[in-house]
Amino acid sequence: MASVGQQRQERGCLPFTNCVVTVPQDKLFAVEVFGSFTKVMGAGLNVAGCDVCGCCISFRSISKRVEQLDVFVDTKTKDNVFVLVKVSVQQQVIPDQAEQAIYKLANVGAQIDSYVSDVVRSQLPQMNLDDAFENKDQISSAVSTALTQAMHAYGFQIIKALVTELKPSQDVVNSMNEINKQKRLRDAALMAAEAEKIRVVKKAEAECESARLQGEGIAKQREAIVEGLKRSVTSGSQETLSSEKISELLLITQYFETLKDIGANSKSNSVFIPHSPAAGVQEISSQIRNGVLQSGPGQQRM
């Protein structure tokens, strides 16, 4: 802190006298005659006046450059979390007020440190930890406003006051990281569940559509079979088939197709139904119905 706004004793450019002095571009020199301030000199070669062996005239210099002071403040937030706040203050001497900058403050850094600590400790206890991270600009603005008003009277202007670091203890950091980790795991689990739900629903919809289309195909197939049977039976005659006759023909046709499929597969479980090939259509259909009714109780007894 001592380097901020630091003053230095300077000497003239001639040996054994301070009559003439060269002021660097980045500095301002205050001229003192017998210890009393007389004027401020800018950059270049300046004539200070008559001097005898450096006893009459002396110089003090101060830098015109923008200087930065890092202030560290320990405080706590509204939710009782202790944090270390780093505030970087950039300040510069006001050339027209160089006299105040040189003579009014003994320790510029300590003065700035006090104001920054006061503002930070009044702002942060009003915020939760999350709000403090989100509102660093608000803290910076409050510090800058307070310092500008206070330091202007001492010949310094505040360029910027930045909250560059807000550091809680390592235990708090670990806890915050764990909370964030668990939140992300929960979100991932919810997304996975939603994806599984969509997959199951889409699969069910596909199966439903497949069953519907399959049913429509079977219905159209049977319709075509019925029409074919009607045409083949009544071809060349004026006879018309009743719905009962058509049902009997369809039943017999499906029966023989079933026997064909059973014979083609050696591992099929078959049901034998007695019938006579010479029987009529109505009799064969009656035999099929009776055989189905009789096979049911027989299977239960087994």
C-alpha atoms as a PDB file:
ATOM      1  CA  MET A   1       0.000   0.000   0.000  1.00  0.00           C
ATOM      2  CA  ALA A   2       2.877   2.369   0.678  1.00  0.00           C
ATOM      3  CA  SER A   3       3.773   2.587  -3.016  1.00  0.00           C
ATOM      4  CA  VAL A   4       0.401   4.114  -3.966  1.00  0.00           C
ATOM      5  CA  GLY A   5       0.680   7.908  -4.117  1.00  0.00           C
ATOM      6  CA  GLN A   6       4.213   7.661  -2.777  1.00  0.00           C
ATOM      7  CA  GLN A   7       6.200  10.890  -2.539  1.00  0.00           C
ATOM      8  CA  ARG A   8       9.945  11.229  -3.016  1.00  0.00           C
ATOM      9  CA  GLN A   9      12.497  13.897  -2.227  1.00  0.00           C
ATOM     10  CA  GLU A  10      14.163  15.141  -5.441  1.00  0.00           C
ATOM     11  CA  ARG A  11      17.245  17.205  -6.260  1.00  0.00           C
ATOM     12  CA  GLY A  12      18.041  19.679  -9.019  1.00  0.00           C
ATOM     13  CA  CYS A  13      20.030  18.851 -12.119  1.00  0.00           C
ATOM     14  CA  LEU A  14      23.029  20.997 -11.112  1.00  0.00           C
ATOM     15  CA  PRO A  15      25.624  19.883  -8.513  1.00  0.00           C
ATOM     16  CA  PHE A  16      25.325  21.419  -5.035  1.00  0.00           C
ATOM     17  CA  THR A  17      22.268  23.481  -5.900  1.00  0.00           C
ATOM     18  CA  ASN A  18      18.563  23.135  -6.629  1.00  0.00           C
ATOM     19  CA  CYS A  19      18.211  26.225  -8.791  1.00  0.00           C
ATOM     20  CA  VAL A  20      17.337  24.255 -11.913  1.00  0.00           C
ATOM     21  CA  VAL A  21      15.483  20.918 -12.063  1.00  0.00           C
ATOM     22  CA  THR A  22      14.380  18.552 -14.809  1.00  0.00           C
ATOM     23  CA  VAL A  23      10.892  17.105 -14.203  1.00  0.00           C
ATOM     24  CA  PRO A  24      10.103  13.742 -15.903  1.00  0.00           C
ATOM     25  CA  GLN A  25       6.975  13.455 -18.057  1.00  0.00           C
ATOM     26  CA  ASP A  26       5.183  11.149 -15.617  1.00  0.00           C
ATOM     27  CA  LYS A  27       5.751  13.267 -12.470  1.00  0.00           C
ATOM     28  CA  LEU A  28       4.845  16.511 -10.789  1.00  0.00           C
ATOM     29  CA  PHE A  29       7.314  18.393  -8.565  1.00  0.00           C
ATOM     30  CA  ALA A  30       6.322  20.532  -5.586  1.00  0.00           C
ATOM     31  CA  VAL A  31       8.793  23.348  -4.860  1.00  0.00           C
ATOM     32  CA  GLU A  32       9.497  24.154  -1.215  1.00  0.00           C
ATOM     33  CA  VAL A  33      11.464  27.232  -0.102  1.00  0.00           C
ATOM     34  CA  PHE A  34      12.744  26.831   3.423  1.00  0.00           C
ATOM     35  CA  GLY A  35      10.158  24.058   3.860  1.00  0.00           C
ATOM     36  CA  SER A  36       7.214  26.154   2.668  1.00  0.00           C
ATOM     37  CA  PHE A  37       5.286  25.090  -0.463  1.00  0.00           C
ATOM     38  CA  THR A  38       5.431  27.645  -3.261  1.00  0.00           C
ATOM     39  CA  LYS A  39       4.331  26.032  -6.542  1.00  0.00           C
ATOM     40  CA  VAL A  40       3.974  22.847  -8.640  1.00  0.00           C
ATOM     41  CA  MET A  41       6.187  22.311 -11.684  1.00  0.00           C
ATOM     42  CA  GLY A  42       5.302  20.179 -14.718  1.00  0.00           C
ATOM     43  CA  ALA A  43       7.455  18.126 -17.100  1.00  0.00           C
ATOM     44  CA  GLY A  44      10.593  19.661 -18.624  1.00  0.00           C
ATOM     45  CA  LEU A  45      13.412  21.963 -17.505  1.00  0.00           C
ATOM     46  CA  ASN A  46      12.270  24.336 -14.763  1.00  0.00           C
ATOM     47  CA  VAL A  47      14.003  27.182 -12.919  1.00  0.00           C
ATOM     48  CA  ALA A  48      13.137  27.007  -9.228  1.00  0.00           C
ATOM     49  CA  GLY A  49      15.007  30.154  -8.064  1.00  0.00           C
ATOM     50  CA  CYS A  50      18.191  31.013  -6.192  1.00  0.00           C
ATOM     51  CA  ASP A  51      19.579  28.302  -3.958  1.00  0.00           C
ATOM     52  CA  VAL A  52      22.737  27.927  -1.891  1.00  0.00           C
ATOM     53  CA  CYS A  53      24.071  24.375  -1.686  1.00  0.00           C
ATOM     54  CA  GLY A  54      20.525  22.946  -1.664  1.00  0.00           C
ATOM     55  CA  CYS A  55      19.674  24.616   1.657  1.00  0.00           C
ATOM     56  CA  CYS A  56      17.011  27.021   0.403  1.00  0.00           C
ATOM     57  CA  ILE A  57      15.015  25.031  -2.148  1.00  0.00           C
ATOM     58  CA  SER A  58      13.867  21.425  -2.015  1.00  0.00           C
ATOM     59  CA  PHE A  59      11.542  19.307  -4.176  1.00  0.00           C
ATOM     60  CA  ARG A  60       8.917  16.616  -3.619  1.00  0.00           C
ATOM     61  CA  SER A  61       7.641  14.492  -6.490  1.00  0.00           C
ATOM     62  CA  ILE A  62       4.495  12.463  -7.043  1.00  0.00           C
ATOM     63  CA  SER A  63       3.610  10.232 -10.008  1.00  0.00           C
ATOM     64  CA  LYS A  64       0.920  11.185 -12.519  1.00  0.00           C
ATOM     65  CA  ARG A  65       0.500   7.588 -13.659  1.00  0.00           C
ATOM     66  CA  VAL A  66      -2.605   5.516 -12.968  1.00  0.00           C
ATOM     67  CA  GLU A  67      -1.750   3.300 -10.016  1.00  0.00           C
ATOM     68  CA  GLN A  68      -3.565   0.210  -8.797  1.00  0.00           C
ATOM     69  CA  LEU A  69      -4.124  -0.829  -5.211  1.00  0.00           C
ATOM     70  CA  ASP A  70      -5.443  -4.316  -4.363  1.00  0.00           C
ATOM     71  CA  VAL A  71      -7.560  -4.320  -1.211  1.00  0.00           C
ATOM     72  CA  PHE A  72      -8.542  -7.584   0.527  1.00  0.00           C
ATOM     73  CA  VAL A  73     -11.618  -7.549   2.756  1.00  0.00           C
ATOM     74  CA  ASP A  74     -12.908 -10.372   4.983  1.00  0.00           C
ATOM     75  CA  THR A  75     -16.655 -10.240   5.515  1.00  0.00           C
ATOM     76  CA  LYS A  76     -19.755 -12.442   5.502  1.00  0.00           C
ATOM     77  CA  THR A  77     -22.878 -12.634   3.393  1.00  0.00           C
ATOM     78  CA  LYS A  78     -26.538 -12.547   4.414  1.00  0.00           C
ATOM     79  CA  ASP A  79     -26.603 -16.374   4.600  1.00  0.00           C
ATOM     80  CA  ASN A  80     -23.609 -16.326   7.001  1.00  0.00           C
ATOM     81  CA  VAL A  81     -20.919 -17.438   4.550  1.00  0.00           C
ATOM     82  CA  PHE A  82     -17.531 -15.827   5.161  1.00  0.00           C
ATOM     83  CA  VAL A  83     -15.822 -14.660   1.979  1.00  0.00           C
ATOM     84  CA  LEU A  84     -12.586 -12.945   1.034  1.00  0.00           C
ATOM     85  CA  VAL A  85     -13.226 -10.059  -1.358  1.00  0.00           C
ATOM     86  CA  LYS A  86     -10.488  -8.617  -3.539  1.00  0.00           C
ATOM     87  CA  VAL A  87     -11.112  -5.090  -4.837  1.00  0.00           C
ATOM     88  CA  SER A  88      -8.692  -3.525  -7.327  1.00  0.00           C
ATOM     89  CA  VAL A  89      -8.777   0.278  -7.133  1.00  0.00           C
ATOM     90  CA  GLN A  90      -7.232   2.325  -9.932  1.00  0.00           C
ATOM     91  CA  GLN A  91      -6.474   5.927  -8.960  1.00  0.00           C
ATOM     92  CA  GLN A  92      -4.550   8.885 -10.328  1.00  0.00           C
ATOM     93  CA  VAL A  93      -3.389  12.275  -9.093  1.00  0.00           C
ATOM     94  CA  ILE A  94      -5.431  15.254 -10.317  1.00  0.00           C
ATOM     95  CA  PRO A  95      -2.759  17.634 -11.735  1.00  0.00           C
ATOM     96  CA  ASP A  96      -4.633  20.781 -10.653  1.00  0.00           C
ATOM     97  CA  GLN A  97      -4.807  19.432  -7.095  1.00  0.00           C
ATOM     98  CA  ALA A  98      -1.248  18.172  -6.785  1.00  0.00           C
ATOM     99  CA  GLU A  99      -0.693  20.219  -3.616  1.00  0.00           C
ATOM    100  CA  GLN A 100      -3.485  18.332  -1.767  1.00  0.00           C
ATOM    101  CA  ALA A 101      -2.259  14.991  -3.123  1.00  0.00           C
ATOM    102  CA  ILE A 102       1.262  15.640  -1.808  1.00  0.00           C
ATOM    103  CA  TYR A 103       0.568  17.300   1.524  1.00  0.00           C
ATOM    104  CA  LYS A 104      -2.861  16.171   2.818  1.00  0.00           C
ATOM    105  CA  LEU A 105      -2.488  12.386   3.134  1.00  0.00           C
ATOM    106  CA  ALA A 106       0.320  10.604   4.951  1.00  0.00           C
ATOM    107  CA  ASN A 107      -0.679   7.162   3.605  1.00  0.00           C
ATOM    108  CA  VAL A 108      -2.870   7.106   0.505  1.00  0.00           C
ATOM    109  CA  GLY A 109      -3.096   3.301   0.409  1.00  0.00           C
ATOM    110  CA  ALA A 110      -4.335   3.043   3.997  1.00  0.00           C
ATOM    111  CA  GLN A 111      -6.976   5.696   3.339  1.00  0.00           C
ATOM    112  CA  ILE A 112      -8.292   3.866   0.265  1.00  0.00           C
ATOM    113  CA  ASP A 113      -8.194   0.547   2.145  1.00  0.00           C
ATOM    114  CA  SER A 114     -10.389   1.994   4.913  1.00  0.00           C
ATOM    115  CA  TYR A 115     -13.033   3.334   2.539  1.00  0.00           C
ATOM    116  CA  VAL A 116     -13.144   0.123   0.482  1.00  0.00           C
ATOM    117  CA  SER A 117     -13.471  -2.068   3.587  1.00  0.00           C
ATOM    118  CA  ASP A 118     -16.288   0.114   4.920  1.00  0.00           C
ATOM    119  CA  VAL A 119     -18.295  -0.049   1.677  1.00  0.00           C
ATOM    120  CA  VAL A 120     -17.787  -3.776   1.091  1.00  0.00           C
ATOM    121  CA  ARG A 121     -18.752  -4.647   4.682  1.00  0.00           C
ATOM    122  CA  SER A 122     -21.925  -2.600   4.326  1.00  0.00           C
ATOM    123  CA  GLN A 123     -22.927  -4.096   0.956  1.00  0.00           C
ATOM    124  CA  LEU A 124     -22.183  -7.818   1.182  1.00  0.00           C
ATOM    125  CA  PRO A 125     -24.088  -8.579   4.426  1.00  0.00           C
ATOM    126  CA  GLN A 126     -27.247  -7.547   2.546  1.00  0.00           C
ATOM    127  CA  MET A 127     -26.740 -10.233  -0.141  1.00  0.00           C
ATOM    128  CA  ASN A 128     -26.785 -14.011  -0.246  1.00  0.00           C
ATOM    129  CA  LEU A 129     -23.695 -15.719  -1.633  1.00  0.00           C
ATOM    130  CA  ASP A 130     -25.285 -16.379  -5.035  1.00  0.00           C
ATOM    131  CA  ASP A 131     -26.498 -12.778  -5.240  1.00  0.00           C
ATOM    132  CA  ALA A 132     -23.020 -11.508  -4.361  1.00  0.00           C
ATOM    133  CA  PHE A 133     -21.524 -13.368  -7.335  1.00  0.00           C
ATOM    134  CA  GLU A 134     -24.253 -12.047  -9.628  1.00  0.00           C
ATOM    135  CA  ASN A 135     -24.057  -8.441  -8.375  1.00  0.00           C
ATOM    136  CA  LYS A 136     -20.316  -7.803  -8.298  1.00  0.00           C
ATOM    137  CA  ASP A 137     -20.859  -4.802 -10.559  1.00  0.00           C
ATOM    138  CA  GLN A 138     -23.209  -3.329  -7.962  1.00  0.00           C
ATOM    139  CA  ILE A 139     -20.509  -3.646  -5.280  1.00  0.00           C
ATOM    140  CA  SER A 140     -17.924  -2.130  -7.626  1.00  0.00           C
ATOM    141  CA  SER A 141     -20.201   0.808  -8.365  1.00  0.00           C
ATOM    142  CA  ALA A 142     -20.814   1.467  -4.651  1.00  0.00           C
ATOM    143  CA  VAL A 143     -17.062   1.368  -3.903  1.00  0.00           C
ATOM    144  CA  SER A 144     -16.243   3.631  -6.844  1.00  0.00           C
ATOM    145  CA  THR A 145     -18.896   6.190  -5.848  1.00  0.00           C
ATOM    146  CA  ALA A 146     -17.754   6.306  -2.226  1.00  0.00           C
ATOM    147  CA  LEU A 147     -14.059   6.592  -3.120  1.00  0.00           C
ATOM    148  CA  THR A 148     -14.621   9.264  -5.778  1.00  0.00           C
ATOM    149  CA  GLN A 149     -16.392  11.509  -3.295  1.00  0.00           C
ATOM    150  CA  ALA A 150     -13.892  10.902  -0.508  1.00  0.00           C
ATOM    151  CA  MET A 151     -10.601  11.016  -2.425  1.00  0.00           C
ATOM    152  CA  HIS A 152     -11.375  14.042  -4.600  1.00  0.00           C
ATOM    153  CA  ALA A 153     -10.754  16.326  -1.640  1.00  0.00           C
ATOM    154  CA  TYR A 154      -7.273  14.828  -1.297  1.00  0.00           C
ATOM    155  CA  GLY A 155      -6.341  15.409  -4.954  1.00  0.00           C
ATOM    156  CA  PHE A 156      -6.963  11.916  -6.298  1.00  0.00           C
ATOM    157  CA  GLN A 157      -9.452  10.727  -8.909  1.00  0.00           C
ATOM    158  CA  ILE A 158     -10.748   7.139  -8.949  1.00  0.00           C
ATOM    159  CA  ILE A 159     -10.594   5.630 -12.431  1.00  0.00           C
ATOM    160  CA  LYS A 160     -12.191   2.292 -11.571  1.00  0.00           C
ATOM    161  CA  ALA A 161     -12.911   0.057  -8.598  1.00  0.00           C
ATOM    162  CA  LEU A 162     -13.278  -3.587  -9.626  1.00  0.00           C
ATOM    163  CA  VAL A 163     -14.327  -6.589  -7.531  1.00  0.00           C
ATOM    164  CA  THR A 164     -11.894  -9.040  -9.122  1.00  0.00           C
ATOM    165  CA  GLU A 165     -12.316 -11.942  -6.708  1.00  0.00           C
ATOM    166  CA  LEU A 166     -15.006 -13.234  -4.351  1.00  0.00           C
ATOM    167  CA  LYS A 167     -13.658 -16.302  -2.607  1.00  0.00           C
ATOM    168  CA  PRO A 168     -15.538 -18.303   0.048  1.00  0.00           C
ATOM    169  CA  SER A 169     -13.820 -21.001   2.100  1.00  0.00           C
ATOM    170  CA  GLN A 170     -12.872 -24.260   0.386  1.00  0.00           C
ATOM    171  CA  ASP A 171     -15.549 -26.200   2.301  1.00  0.00           C
ATOM    172  CA  VAL A 172     -18.231 -23.877   0.945  1.00  0.00           C
ATOM    173  CA  VAL A 173     -16.829 -24.203  -2.585  1.00  0.00           C
ATOM    174  CA  ASN A 174     -16.910 -28.007  -2.297  1.00  0.00           C
ATOM    175  CA  SER A 175     -20.500 -27.908  -1.032  1.00  0.00           C
ATOM    176  CA  MET A 176     -21.604 -25.657  -3.887  1.00  0.00           C
ATOM    177  CA  ASN A 177     -19.935 -27.951  -6.414  1.00  0.00           C
ATOM    178  CA  GLU A 178     -21.655 -30.983  -4.868  1.00  0.00           C
ATOM    179  CA  ILE A 179     -25.055 -29.250  -5.004  1.00  0.00           C
ATOM    180  CA  ASN A 180     -24.497 -28.395  -8.648  1.00  0.00           C
ATOM    181  CA  LYS A 181     -23.368 -31.958  -9.384  1.00  0.00           C
ATOM    182  CA  GLN A 182     -26.477 -33.493  -7.759  1.00  0.00           C
ATOM    183  CA  LYS A 183     -28.719 -31.055  -9.601  1.00  0.00           C
ATOM    184  CA  ARG A 184     -27.188 -32.041 -12.933  1.00  0.00           C
ATOM    185  CA  LEU A 185     -27.516 -35.749 -12.084  1.00  0.00           C
ATOM    186  CA  ARG A 186     -31.186 -35.209 -11.250  1.00  0.00           C
ATOM    187  CA  ASP A 187     -31.757 -33.376 -14.540  1.00  0.00           C
ATOM    188  CA  ALA A 188     -29.994 -36.185 -16.409  1.00  0.00           C
ATOM    189  CA  ALA A 189     -32.193 -38.797 -14.696  1.00  0.00           C
ATOM    190  CA  LEU A 190     -35.347 -36.848 -15.580  1.00  0.00           C
ATOM    191  CA  MET A 191     -34.246 -36.557 -19.204  1.00  0.00           C
ATOM    192  CA  ALA A 192     -33.464 -40.293 -19.353  1.00  0.00           C
ATOM    193  CA  ALA A 193     -36.901 -41.101 -17.887  1.00  0.00           C
ATOM    194  CA  GLU A 194     -38.598 -38.829 -20.413  1.00  0.00           C
ATOM    195  CA  ALA A 195     -36.690 -40.500 -23.242  1.00  0.00           C
ATOM    196  CA  GLU A 196     -37.711 -43.956 -21.981  1.00  0.00           C
ATOM    197  CA  LYS A 197     -41.337 -42.811 -21.710  1.00  0.00           C
ATOM    198  CA  ILE A 198     -41.284 -41.559 -25.289  1.00  0.00           C
ATOM    199  CA  ARG A 199     -39.717 -44.829 -26.462  1.00  0.00           C
ATOM    200  CA  VAL A 200     -42.356 -46.937 -24.700  1.00  0.00           C
ATOM    201  CA  VAL A 201     -45.217 -44.778 -25.961  1.00  0.00           C
ATOM    202  CA  LYS A 202     -43.931 -44.830 -29.524  1.00  0.00           C
ATOM    203  CA  LYS A 203     -43.478 -48.601 -29.369  1.00  0.00           C
ATOM    204  CA  ALA A 204     -47.048 -49.037 -28.092  1.00  0.00           C
ATOM    205  CA  GLU A 205     -48.356 -46.744 -30.817  1.00  0.00           C
ATOM    206  CA  ALA A 206     -46.440 -48.727 -33.435  1.00  0.00           C
ATOM    207  CA  GLU A 207     -47.796 -52.035 -32.105  1.00  0.00           C
ATOM    208  CA  CYS A 208     -51.311 -50.605 -32.066  1.00  0.00           C
ATOM    209  CA  GLU A 209     -50.976 -49.404 -35.649  1.00  0.00           C
ATOM    210  CA  SER A 210     -49.503 -52.759 -36.683  1.00  0.00           C
ATOM    211  CA  ALA A 211     -52.388 -54.648 -35.082  1.00  0.00           C
ATOM    212  CA  ARG A 212     -54.914 -52.352 -36.753  1.00  0.00           C
ATOM    213  CA  LEU A 213     -53.358 -52.802 -40.161  1.00  0.00           C
ATOM    214  CA  GLN A 214     -53.084 -56.554 -39.624  1.00  0.00           C
ATOM    215  CA  GLY A 215     -56.772 -56.697 -38.680  1.00  0.00           C
ATOM    216  CA  GLU A 216     -57.718 -54.715 -41.741  1.00  0.00           C
ATOM    217  CA  GLY A 217     -55.632 -57.090 -43.871  1.00  0.00           C
ATOM    218  CA  ILE A 218     -57.332 -60.177 -42.405  1.00  0.00           C
ATOM    219  CA  ALA A 219     -60.757 -58.599 -42.885  1.00  0.00           C
ATOM    220  CA  LYS A 220     -60.017 -57.782 -46.521  1.00  0.00           C
ATOM    221  CA  GLN A 221     -58.586 -61.275 -47.048  1.00  0.00           C
ATOM    222  CA  ARG A 222     -61.725 -62.918 -45.704  1.00  0.00           C
ATOM    223  CA  GLU A 223     -63.879 -60.574 -47.739  1.00  0.00           C
ATOM    224  CA  ALA A 224     -62.009 -61.617 -50.872  1.00  0.00           C
ATOM    225  CA  ILE A 225     -62.324 -65.301 -49.929  1.00  0.00           C
ATOM    226  CA  VAL A 226     -66.078 -64.932 -49.402  1.00  0.00           C
ATOM    227  CA  GLU A 227     -66.520 -63.185 -52.743  1.00  0.00           C
ATOM    228  CA  GLY A 228     -64.463 -65.860 -54.447  1.00  0.00           C
ATOM    229  CA  LEU A 229     -66.512 -68.659 -52.869  1.00  0.00           C
ATOM    230  CA  LYS A 230     -69.741 -66.976 -53.876  1.00  0.00           C
ATOM    231  CA  ARG A 231     -68.610 -66.636 -57.481  1.00  0.00           C
ATOM    232  CA  SER A 232     -67.256 -70.200 -57.672  1.00  0.00           C
ATOM    233  CA  VAL A 233     -70.355 -71.801 -56.153  1.00  0.00           C
ATOM    234  CA  THR A 234     -72.994 -69.792 -58.022  1.00  0.00           C
ATOM    235  CA  SER A 235     -71.126 -69.567 -61.327  1.00  0.00           C
ATOM    236  CA  GLY A 236     -73.460 -70.486 -64.254  1.00  0.00           C
ATOM    237  CA  SER A 237     -76.593 -70.551 -62.109  1.00  0.00           C
ATOM    238  CA  GLN A 238     -79.121 -68.152 -60.735  1.00  0.00           C
ATOM    239  CA  GLU A 239     -78.711 -69.448 -57.189  1.00  0.00           C
ATOM    240  CA  THR A 240     -77.856 -66.997 -54.423  1.00  0.00           C
ATOM    241  CA  LEU A 241     -76.064 -67.975 -51.214  1.00  0.00           C
ATOM    242  CA  SER A 242     -77.370 -66.954 -47.856  1.00  0.00           C
ATOM    243  CA  SER A 243     -75.107 -65.526 -45.212  1.00  0.00           C
ATOM    244  CA  GLU A 244     -75.306 -68.818 -43.295  1.00  0.00           C
ATOM    245  CA  LYS A 245     -74.099 -70.807 -46.292  1.00  0.00           C
ATOM    246  CA  ILE A 246     -71.284 -68.370 -46.873  1.00  0.00           C
ATOM    247  CA  SER A 247     -70.208 -68.674 -43.197  1.00  0.00           C
ATOM    248  CA  GLU A 248     -70.181 -72.485 -43.519  1.00  0.00           C
ATOM    249  CA  LEU A 249     -68.051 -72.355 -46.667  1.00  0.00           C
ATOM    250  CA  LEU A 250     -65.635 -69.936 -45.045  1.00  0.00           C
ATOM    251  CA  LEU A 251     -65.382 -72.123 -41.935  1.00  0.00           C
ATOM    252  CA  ILE A 252     -64.643 -75.242 -43.989  1.00  0.00           C
ATOM    253  CA  THR A 253     -62.065 -73.402 -46.099  1.00  0.00           C
ATOM    254  CA  GLN A 254     -60.251 -72.157 -43.020  1.00  0.00           C
ATOM    255  CA  TYR A 255     -60.448 -75.629 -41.508  1.00  0.00           C
ATOM    256  CA  PHE A 256     -58.689 -77.268 -44.409  1.00  0.00           C
ATOM    257  CA  GLU A 257     -56.089 -74.495 -44.522  1.00  0.00           C
ATOM    258  CA  THR A 258     -55.431 -75.147 -40.829  1.00  0.00           C
ATOM    259  CA  LEU A 259     -54.967 -78.873 -41.500  1.00  0.00           C
ATOM    260  CA  LYS A 260     -52.545 -77.961 -44.264  1.00  0.00           C
ATOM    261  CA  ASP A 261     -50.502 -75.738 -41.940  1.00  0.00           C
ATOM    262  CA  ILE A 262     -50.473 -78.404 -39.195  1.00  0.00           C
ATOM    263  CA  GLY A 263     -49.232 -81.022 -41.623  1.00  0.00           C
ATOM    264  CA  ALA A 264     -46.469 -78.748 -42.842  1.00  0.00           C
ATOM    265  CA  ASN A 265     -45.112 -78.197 -39.302  1.00  0.00           C
ATOM    266  CA  SER A 266     -43.892 -81.234 -37.383  1.00  0.00           C
ATOM    267  CA  LYS A 267     -43.943 -79.433 -34.025  1.00  0.00           C
ATOM    268  CA  SER A 268     -47.538 -78.224 -34.133  1.00  0.00           C
ATOM    269  CA  ASN A 269     -50.085 -79.198 -31.446  1.00  0.00           C
ATOM    270  CA  SER A 270     -53.031 -80.571 -33.442  1.00  0.00           C
ATOM    271  CA  VAL A 271     -56.683 -81.330 -32.592  1.00  0.00           C
ATOM    272  CA  PHE A 272     -58.255 -84.216 -34.560  1.00  0.00           C
ATOM    273  CA  ILE A 273     -61.899 -83.741 -35.484  1.00  0.00           C
ATOM    274  CA  PRO A 274     -63.834 -86.705 -36.967  1.00  0.00           C
ATOM    275  CA  HIS A 275     -65.592 -85.948 -40.214  1.00  0.00           C
ATOM    276  CA  SER A 276     -66.685 -87.712 -43.370  1.00  0.00           C
ATOM    277  CA  PRO A 277     -65.464 -86.456 -46.771  1.00  0.00           C
ATOM    278  CA  ALA A 278     -68.730 -87.539 -48.309  1.00  0.00           C
ATOM    279  CA  ALA A 279     -70.757 -85.415 -45.946  1.00  0.00           C
ATOM    280  CA  GLY A 280     -72.375 -82.226 -47.038  1.00  0.00           C
ATOM    281  CA  VAL A 281     -71.189 -78.788 -46.296  1.00  0.00           C
ATOM    282  CA  GLN A 282     -73.665 -78.232 -43.482  1.00  0.00           C
ATOM    283  CA  GLU A 283     -72.819 -81.596 -41.904  1.00  0.00           C
ATOM    284  CA  ILE A 284     -69.040 -80.935 -42.055  1.00  0.00           C
ATOM    285  CA  SER A 285     -69.480 -77.559 -40.413  1.00  0.00           C
ATOM    286  CA  SER A 286     -71.568 -79.177 -37.675  1.00  0.00           C
ATOM    287  CA  GLN A 287     -68.864 -81.791 -37.172  1.00  0.00           C
ATOM    288  CA  ILE A 288     -66.195 -79.066 -36.861  1.00  0.00           C
ATOM    289  CA  ARG A 289     -68.235 -77.193 -34.250  1.00  0.00           C
ATOM    290  CA  ASN A 290     -68.918 -80.379 -32.254  1.00  0.00           C
ATOM    291  CA  GLY A 291     -65.250 -81.397 -32.443  1.00  0.00           C
ATOM    292  CA  VAL A 292     -64.097 -78.048 -31.124  1.00  0.00           C
ATOM    293  CA  LEU A 293     -66.590 -78.234 -28.264  1.00  0.00           C
ATOM    294  CA  GLN A 294     -65.480 -81.779 -27.376  1.00  0.00           C
ATOM    295  CA  SER A 295     -61.714 -80.982 -27.531  1.00  0.00           C
ATOM    296  CA  GLY A 296     -62.042 -78.243 -24.932  1.00  0.00           C
ATOM    297  CA  PRO A 297     -63.101 -80.505 -21.994  1.00  0.00           C
ATOM    298  CA  GLY A 298     -60.633 -83.179 -23.107  1.00  0.00           C
ATOM    299  CA  GLN A 299     -57.707 -80.784 -22.873  1.00  0.00           C
ATOM    300  CA  GLN A 300     -58.797 -79.662 -19.422  1.00  0.00           C
ATOM    301  CA  ARG A 301     -58.871 -83.309 -18.197  1.00  0.00           C
ATOM    302  CA  MET A 302     -55.303 -83.819 -19.439  1.00  0.00           C
END
